[in-house]
Amino acid sequence: MKVLIASALILVGSCATLRHSEKIDNLKKSISFEDENLINNYLQTIQPTDLQIHVEEVASDKYNGRKTGEDGHNDVCGYIRNYYISQDINAPKSLPDYYQKVPKEILPENLNDSQNIIAYIEGEEFPDEYVFISAHSDHEGVINGEIYNGADDNGSGTAAVLEMAEAFSKAVKDGYRPKRSIVFLHLTAEEVGLHGSRYYTQNPIFPIENTVVDLNIDMIGRVDDRHKQNENYIYVIGSDRVSTELHFVAQKANTTFTNLDLDYKYNAENDHNQYYYRSDHYNFALEGVPVIFFFNGEHEDYTKPSDTADKINYTLLAKRTKLIFATAWYIANADHRLEVEII
């Protein structure tokens, strides 16, 4: 009897594996990728020098480490908001000043009110479906008299979102408005427990059920010890947790435009670091939204005052930003919404 049961389980497992393999093959065939030359035109607007301007600003001493609820973070939020205004990228109608207040009552003790920053480009065909590109804007503040500038964590992600927003805005001005709306979300209070993203998902400005994806960026400007011999990489976390299709969209975007080594080490469910649960995308995933967390891994300056703008690899930052932009473009302009399939 035990042998028969074991044989049956093997057969069932084999059939499930086969069905999953067939589904993957069908997904590969069903993804339509068009306008490569058009996409490449806007990828070329994402330049290392422009990213450097943003990182050096966001990670400068004048913001005192951007701690949630403090003047430095409030001031850098002003810089981000003013950039969207300068690019003619709108605020949501319900938040005309771009700010979603995050009240101190939901934050850890002794923190003041803070804010998420939200800007968006309205879609042409499916304006009520939303592609999110997110990054947290806060950092550690000043500790024992030392400023924690957070150039990689997360000045790099903040700069990437701003550069992608500019690229999409240029496309709109040239007559190429995305089919779906694109939301640029800068989150507060990530460093103190993902509170900004939790507050957003519990108090969404755009309906969660119409949120197609969250492409979350947290540290993409450096190289970890594991890749010292090959800097052409990015960790991709969560891409297949909610939507198999999303996984292959990102892969296709990469093979078409950037040819980075997509490292899935930290996507393993048994990985002891558990990064999937440690940045803002996770609160979207809890709501059934497909997510990707783009990450370069930890390095010697992680959460130290030595995480400064001069140590960012801006050429690599640009390449990684281009991957995320191309992924977002494909999702925003696909004929169909990403299929949700929790595996």
Protein backbone atom coordinates (compact mmCIF):
# COMPACT_ATOMS: atom_id res chain seq x y z
CA MET A 1 0.00 0.00 0.00
CA LYS A 2 2.78 2.45 0.85
CA VAL A 3 4.44 1.72 -2.49
CA LEU A 4 1.18 2.33 -4.36
CA ILE A 5 0.57 5.60 -2.51
CA ALA A 6 4.11 6.78 -3.18
CA SER A 7 3.76 5.89 -6.86
CA ALA A 8 0.49 7.78 -7.07
CA LEU A 9 2.02 10.84 -5.45
CA ILE A 10 4.92 10.76 -7.89
CA LEU A 11 2.47 10.53 -10.80
CA VAL A 12 0.37 13.42 -9.50
CA GLY A 13 3.50 15.50 -8.92
CA SER A 14 4.79 14.73 -12.40
CA CYS A 15 1.46 15.76 -13.97
CA ALA A 16 1.42 18.99 -11.97
CA THR A 17 4.98 19.75 -13.05
CA LEU A 18 4.06 19.06 -16.67
CA ARG A 19 1.00 21.30 -16.50
CA HIS A 20 3.09 24.06 -14.95
CA SER A 21 5.76 23.64 -17.65
CA GLU A 22 3.12 23.86 -20.38
CA LYS A 23 1.67 26.98 -18.76
CA ILE A 24 5.10 28.61 -18.71
CA ASP A 25 5.61 27.79 -22.40
CA ASN A 26 2.20 29.27 -23.23
CA LEU A 27 2.99 32.41 -21.25
CA LYS A 28 6.24 32.85 -23.14
CA LYS A 29 4.35 32.64 -26.42
CA SER A 30 1.53 34.93 -25.30
CA ILE A 31 3.66 37.89 -24.21
CA SER A 32 3.72 40.46 -26.97
CA PHE A 33 6.76 42.73 -27.14
CA GLU A 34 6.55 45.51 -29.68
CA ASP A 35 8.09 48.89 -30.39
CA GLU A 36 11.61 47.97 -29.29
CA ASN A 37 13.10 50.96 -31.10
CA LEU A 38 10.55 53.27 -29.49
CA ILE A 39 11.26 51.94 -26.00
CA ASN A 40 14.98 52.22 -26.62
CA ASN A 41 14.60 55.92 -27.46
CA TYR A 42 13.30 56.61 -23.96
CA LEU A 43 15.73 54.24 -22.29
CA GLN A 44 18.49 56.44 -23.65
CA THR A 45 17.14 59.40 -21.66
CA ILE A 46 18.08 57.56 -18.43
CA GLN A 47 21.66 58.72 -17.97
CA PRO A 48 24.23 58.16 -15.20
CA THR A 49 24.89 61.90 -14.91
CA ASP A 50 21.21 62.68 -14.28
CA LEU A 51 20.91 59.91 -11.72
CA GLN A 52 24.01 61.24 -10.00
CA ILE A 53 22.44 64.69 -9.67
CA HIS A 54 19.46 63.19 -7.84
CA VAL A 55 21.48 60.88 -5.58
CA GLU A 56 23.89 63.64 -4.58
CA GLU A 57 20.95 65.87 -3.73
CA VAL A 58 18.89 63.31 -1.82
CA ALA A 59 21.94 61.99 0.08
CA SER A 60 23.41 65.39 0.91
CA ASP A 61 24.18 66.41 4.48
CA LYS A 62 21.56 69.17 4.46
CA TYR A 63 18.79 66.57 4.81
CA ASN A 64 20.34 65.10 7.97
CA GLY A 65 19.76 61.48 6.99
CA ARG A 66 16.07 61.88 6.05
CA LYS A 67 14.59 60.36 9.20
CA THR A 68 10.84 59.86 9.07
CA GLY A 69 8.94 62.81 10.49
CA GLU A 70 11.95 65.10 10.79
CA ASP A 71 12.67 68.30 8.87
CA GLY A 72 15.31 66.68 6.68
CA HIS A 73 12.90 64.11 5.31
CA ASN A 74 10.18 66.69 4.92
CA ASP A 75 12.59 68.86 2.94
CA VAL A 76 13.68 66.05 0.63
CA CYS A 77 10.01 65.31 0.02
CA GLY A 78 9.75 68.91 -1.14
CA TYR A 79 12.61 68.32 -3.58
CA ILE A 80 10.86 65.24 -4.98
CA ARG A 81 7.51 67.00 -5.30
CA ASN A 82 9.06 70.01 -7.02
CA TYR A 83 10.73 67.71 -9.52
CA TYR A 84 7.38 66.26 -10.54
CA ILE A 85 5.99 69.75 -10.92
CA SER A 86 8.95 70.70 -13.14
CA GLN A 87 8.26 67.67 -15.36
CA ASP A 88 4.53 68.41 -15.67
CA ILE A 89 3.66 65.13 -13.99
CA ASN A 90 0.39 65.41 -12.14
CA ALA A 91 -0.62 64.72 -8.58
CA PRO A 92 -3.71 62.57 -7.97
CA LYS A 93 -6.88 64.65 -7.98
CA SER A 94 -7.52 63.76 -4.35
CA LEU A 95 -3.99 64.87 -3.33
CA PRO A 96 -3.31 68.11 -5.20
CA ASP A 97 -0.10 68.76 -3.25
CA TYR A 98 1.25 65.21 -4.03
CA TYR A 99 1.32 64.36 -0.32
CA GLN A 100 -0.50 61.53 1.40
CA LYS A 101 -0.24 62.33 5.09
CA VAL A 102 0.93 59.43 7.24
CA PRO A 103 -0.15 60.29 10.80
CA LYS A 104 2.16 59.83 13.74
CA GLU A 105 -0.49 57.68 15.43
CA ILE A 106 0.39 54.77 13.12
CA LEU A 107 4.15 55.33 13.35
CA PRO A 108 6.54 54.15 16.06
CA GLU A 109 6.65 56.20 19.24
CA ASN A 110 8.32 59.62 19.18
CA LEU A 111 8.00 60.07 15.39
CA ASN A 112 6.08 62.99 13.92
CA ASP A 113 3.59 63.01 11.07
CA SER A 114 5.16 62.16 7.73
CA GLN A 115 4.03 61.72 4.13
CA ASN A 116 4.14 59.52 1.08
CA ILE A 117 4.58 61.33 -2.23
CA ILE A 118 2.39 60.27 -5.15
CA ALA A 119 2.55 61.42 -8.76
CA TYR A 120 1.02 59.76 -11.78
CA ILE A 121 0.58 59.72 -15.53
CA GLU A 122 -2.94 58.83 -16.62
CA GLY A 123 -3.33 55.97 -19.05
CA GLU A 124 -5.06 56.33 -22.37
CA GLU A 125 -6.94 53.04 -22.87
CA PHE A 126 -7.12 51.63 -19.34
CA PRO A 127 -6.83 54.71 -17.10
CA ASP A 128 -8.33 52.84 -14.15
CA GLU A 129 -5.58 50.22 -14.11
CA TYR A 130 -2.39 51.24 -12.33
CA VAL A 131 1.26 50.28 -12.70
CA PHE A 132 3.19 51.31 -9.57
CA ILE A 133 6.89 52.14 -9.41
CA SER A 134 7.91 52.64 -5.79
CA ALA A 135 10.89 53.45 -3.58
CA HIS A 136 11.22 54.66 -0.02
CA SER A 137 12.56 58.15 0.60
CA ASP A 138 13.46 57.94 4.31
CA HIS A 139 16.66 56.77 5.98
CA GLU A 140 18.25 56.54 9.44
CA GLY A 141 18.74 60.21 10.32
CA VAL A 142 21.56 61.34 12.62
CA ILE A 143 22.96 58.81 15.11
CA ASN A 144 25.59 59.74 17.70
CA GLY A 145 26.28 62.95 15.82
CA GLU A 146 26.91 61.22 12.47
CA ILE A 147 24.69 61.76 9.41
CA TYR A 148 23.51 58.57 7.75
CA ASN A 149 23.22 59.82 4.17
CA GLY A 150 21.71 56.66 2.67
CA ALA A 151 22.97 57.17 -0.88
CA ASP A 152 22.31 53.58 -1.85
CA ASP A 153 19.61 53.07 0.78
CA ASN A 154 17.58 54.52 -0.79
CA GLY A 155 18.88 57.52 -2.68
CA SER A 156 19.54 55.15 -5.57
CA GLY A 157 15.93 53.97 -5.70
CA THR A 158 14.58 57.50 -5.32
CA ALA A 159 16.74 58.72 -8.21
CA ALA A 160 15.67 55.77 -10.36
CA VAL A 161 11.97 56.54 -9.88
CA LEU A 162 12.50 60.20 -10.76
CA GLU A 163 14.44 59.34 -13.92
CA MET A 164 11.82 56.83 -15.05
CA ALA A 165 9.09 59.37 -14.43
CA GLU A 166 10.92 61.86 -16.63
CA ALA A 167 11.33 59.25 -19.38
CA PHE A 168 7.62 58.37 -19.34
CA SER A 169 6.75 62.08 -19.31
CA LYS A 170 8.89 62.66 -22.40
CA ALA A 171 7.11 59.80 -24.14
CA VAL A 172 3.73 61.37 -23.34
CA LYS A 173 4.87 64.74 -24.69
CA ASP A 174 5.95 62.96 -27.89
CA GLY A 175 2.50 61.43 -28.26
CA TYR A 176 3.12 58.02 -26.65
CA ARG A 177 0.86 57.96 -23.62
CA PRO A 178 0.84 54.56 -21.86
CA LYS A 179 -2.28 52.42 -22.08
CA ARG A 180 -2.41 52.05 -18.29
CA SER A 181 -1.82 54.71 -15.68
CA ILE A 182 1.62 54.79 -14.08
CA VAL A 183 1.97 55.78 -10.43
CA PHE A 184 5.27 57.00 -8.96
CA LEU A 185 5.18 56.32 -5.24
CA HIS A 186 7.79 57.55 -2.75
CA LEU A 187 7.20 55.95 0.63
CA THR A 188 8.03 57.10 4.11
CA ALA A 189 8.82 55.04 7.21
CA GLU A 190 10.28 52.02 5.45
CA GLU A 191 13.28 51.99 7.75
CA VAL A 192 11.11 51.85 10.86
CA GLY A 193 8.87 48.98 9.76
CA LEU A 194 7.32 49.47 6.28
CA HIS A 195 4.72 51.79 7.79
CA GLY A 196 4.38 54.12 4.78
CA SER A 197 3.52 51.31 2.38
CA ARG A 198 1.26 49.66 4.93
CA TYR A 199 -0.60 52.93 5.37
CA TYR A 200 -0.91 53.35 1.60
CA THR A 201 -2.28 49.85 0.98
CA GLN A 202 -4.78 50.29 3.81
CA ASN A 203 -5.72 53.77 2.58
CA PRO A 204 -5.19 53.55 -1.18
CA ILE A 205 -5.52 56.58 -3.40
CA PHE A 206 -6.14 54.28 -6.37
CA PRO A 207 -8.16 51.08 -5.85
CA ILE A 208 -5.99 48.16 -4.77
CA GLU A 209 -8.08 45.80 -6.91
CA ASN A 210 -7.06 47.87 -9.96
CA THR A 211 -3.37 47.89 -9.05
CA VAL A 212 -1.68 45.78 -11.73
CA VAL A 213 1.84 45.57 -10.27
CA ASP A 214 4.29 47.16 -7.86
CA LEU A 215 7.86 47.41 -9.10
CA ASN A 216 9.72 48.31 -5.91
CA ILE A 217 13.29 49.61 -5.79
CA ASP A 218 15.41 49.55 -2.67
CA MET A 219 19.21 49.80 -3.12
CA ILE A 220 20.31 49.40 -6.74
CA GLY A 221 23.47 51.54 -6.88
CA ARG A 222 26.18 49.30 -5.43
CA VAL A 223 27.74 45.84 -5.71
CA ASP A 224 27.74 43.21 -2.95
CA ASP A 225 30.60 40.89 -2.09
CA ARG A 226 29.02 38.00 -3.95
CA HIS A 227 29.35 39.83 -7.27
CA LYS A 228 32.73 41.54 -6.99
CA GLN A 229 33.91 39.57 -10.02
CA ASN A 230 30.77 40.28 -12.05
CA GLU A 231 29.05 43.58 -11.40
CA ASN A 232 26.53 43.10 -14.23
CA TYR A 233 23.69 41.78 -12.04
CA ILE A 234 20.59 42.63 -10.08
CA TYR A 235 18.68 40.58 -7.53
CA VAL A 236 15.07 39.98 -8.58
CA ILE A 237 12.82 39.01 -5.68
CA GLY A 238 9.16 38.04 -5.76
CA SER A 239 8.58 38.14 -9.50
CA ASP A 240 7.00 34.67 -9.60
CA ARG A 241 5.25 34.71 -6.22
CA VAL A 242 1.94 36.19 -7.43
CA SER A 243 2.18 36.24 -11.24
CA THR A 244 4.15 33.85 -13.41
CA GLU A 245 3.60 36.21 -16.31
CA LEU A 246 5.36 39.06 -14.51
CA HIS A 247 8.41 36.84 -14.08
CA PHE A 248 8.73 36.36 -17.84
CA VAL A 249 7.96 39.98 -18.70
CA ALA A 250 10.96 41.04 -16.60
CA GLN A 251 13.13 38.37 -18.20
CA LYS A 252 12.11 39.43 -21.70
CA ALA A 253 12.72 43.11 -20.90
CA ASN A 254 16.18 42.16 -19.70
CA THR A 255 17.18 40.01 -22.68
CA THR A 256 15.89 42.64 -25.08
CA PHE A 257 17.49 45.72 -23.57
CA THR A 258 19.92 45.28 -20.68
CA ASN A 259 21.35 41.75 -20.42
CA LEU A 260 21.95 41.92 -16.71
CA ASP A 261 22.42 38.69 -14.79
CA LEU A 262 19.11 38.29 -12.98
CA ASP A 263 20.00 36.70 -9.66
CA TYR A 264 17.15 34.86 -7.92
CA LYS A 265 19.14 33.70 -4.90
CA TYR A 266 17.12 35.80 -2.47
CA ASN A 267 13.82 34.82 -4.04
CA ALA A 268 14.12 31.35 -2.52
CA GLU A 269 11.43 30.88 0.11
CA ASN A 270 13.92 29.22 2.45
CA ASP A 271 16.57 31.93 2.13
CA HIS A 272 17.48 32.98 5.66
CA ASN A 273 17.59 36.71 4.80
CA GLN A 274 13.88 36.74 3.95
CA TYR A 275 14.22 39.93 1.86
CA TYR A 276 10.85 39.31 0.25
CA TYR A 277 9.25 40.42 3.52
CA ARG A 278 11.60 43.33 4.21
CA SER A 279 10.75 46.13 1.79
CA ASP A 280 7.65 48.03 0.73
CA HIS A 281 6.51 45.73 -2.08
CA TYR A 282 5.50 43.19 0.55
CA ASN A 283 2.48 45.19 1.69
CA PHE A 284 1.24 45.19 -1.91
CA ALA A 285 1.83 41.44 -2.19
CA LEU A 286 -0.29 40.92 0.93
CA GLU A 287 -3.15 42.45 -1.08
CA GLY A 288 -2.62 40.04 -3.98
CA VAL A 289 -0.76 42.53 -6.17
CA PRO A 290 2.08 41.12 -8.33
CA VAL A 291 5.41 42.56 -7.20
CA ILE A 292 9.11 42.66 -7.95
CA PHE A 293 11.73 43.84 -5.49
CA PHE A 294 14.88 45.05 -7.30
CA PHE A 295 17.93 44.97 -5.02
CA ASN A 296 21.73 44.95 -5.21
CA GLY A 297 22.32 43.13 -1.92
CA GLU A 298 24.07 44.34 1.21
CA HIS A 299 27.59 45.79 1.16
CA GLU A 300 30.12 47.12 3.64
CA ASP A 301 28.36 50.49 3.94
CA TYR A 302 24.85 49.14 4.43
CA THR A 303 23.09 51.14 7.20
CA LYS A 304 26.29 53.00 8.01
CA PRO A 305 27.17 56.71 7.75
CA SER A 306 29.66 55.70 5.04
CA ASP A 307 26.84 55.01 2.54
CA THR A 308 27.64 58.14 0.55
CA ALA A 309 26.99 59.35 -2.99
CA ASP A 310 30.61 59.08 -4.13
CA LYS A 311 30.44 55.28 -3.78
CA ILE A 312 27.53 54.75 -6.15
CA ASN A 313 28.24 53.03 -9.47
CA TYR A 314 26.19 55.37 -11.64
CA THR A 315 26.68 53.47 -14.89
CA LEU A 316 25.36 50.33 -13.25
CA LEU A 317 22.56 52.29 -11.59
CA ALA A 318 21.48 53.53 -15.02
CA LYS A 319 21.49 50.04 -16.50
CA ARG A 320 19.38 48.65 -13.69
CA THR A 321 16.97 51.58 -13.95
CA LYS A 322 16.57 50.86 -17.66
CA LEU A 323 15.56 47.28 -16.88
CA ILE A 324 12.84 48.47 -14.52
CA PHE A 325 11.66 51.11 -17.01
CA ALA A 326 11.38 48.54 -19.82
CA THR A 327 9.49 46.15 -17.54
CA ALA A 328 7.07 48.90 -16.55
CA TRP A 329 6.62 49.97 -20.19
CA TYR A 330 5.67 46.45 -21.26
CA ILE A 331 3.18 45.99 -18.43
CA ALA A 332 1.65 49.43 -18.93
CA ASN A 333 1.20 48.91 -22.67
CA ALA A 334 0.21 45.24 -22.83
CA ASP A 335 -3.10 44.32 -24.44
CA HIS A 336 -4.10 42.45 -21.30
CA ARG A 337 -3.59 42.96 -17.60
CA LEU A 338 -1.06 40.77 -15.82
CA GLU A 339 -2.56 37.45 -14.81
CA VAL A 340 -2.55 36.90 -11.08
CA GLU A 341 -1.57 33.36 -10.21
CA ILE A 342 -0.34 32.67 -6.70
CA ILE A 343 1.81 29.56 -7.10
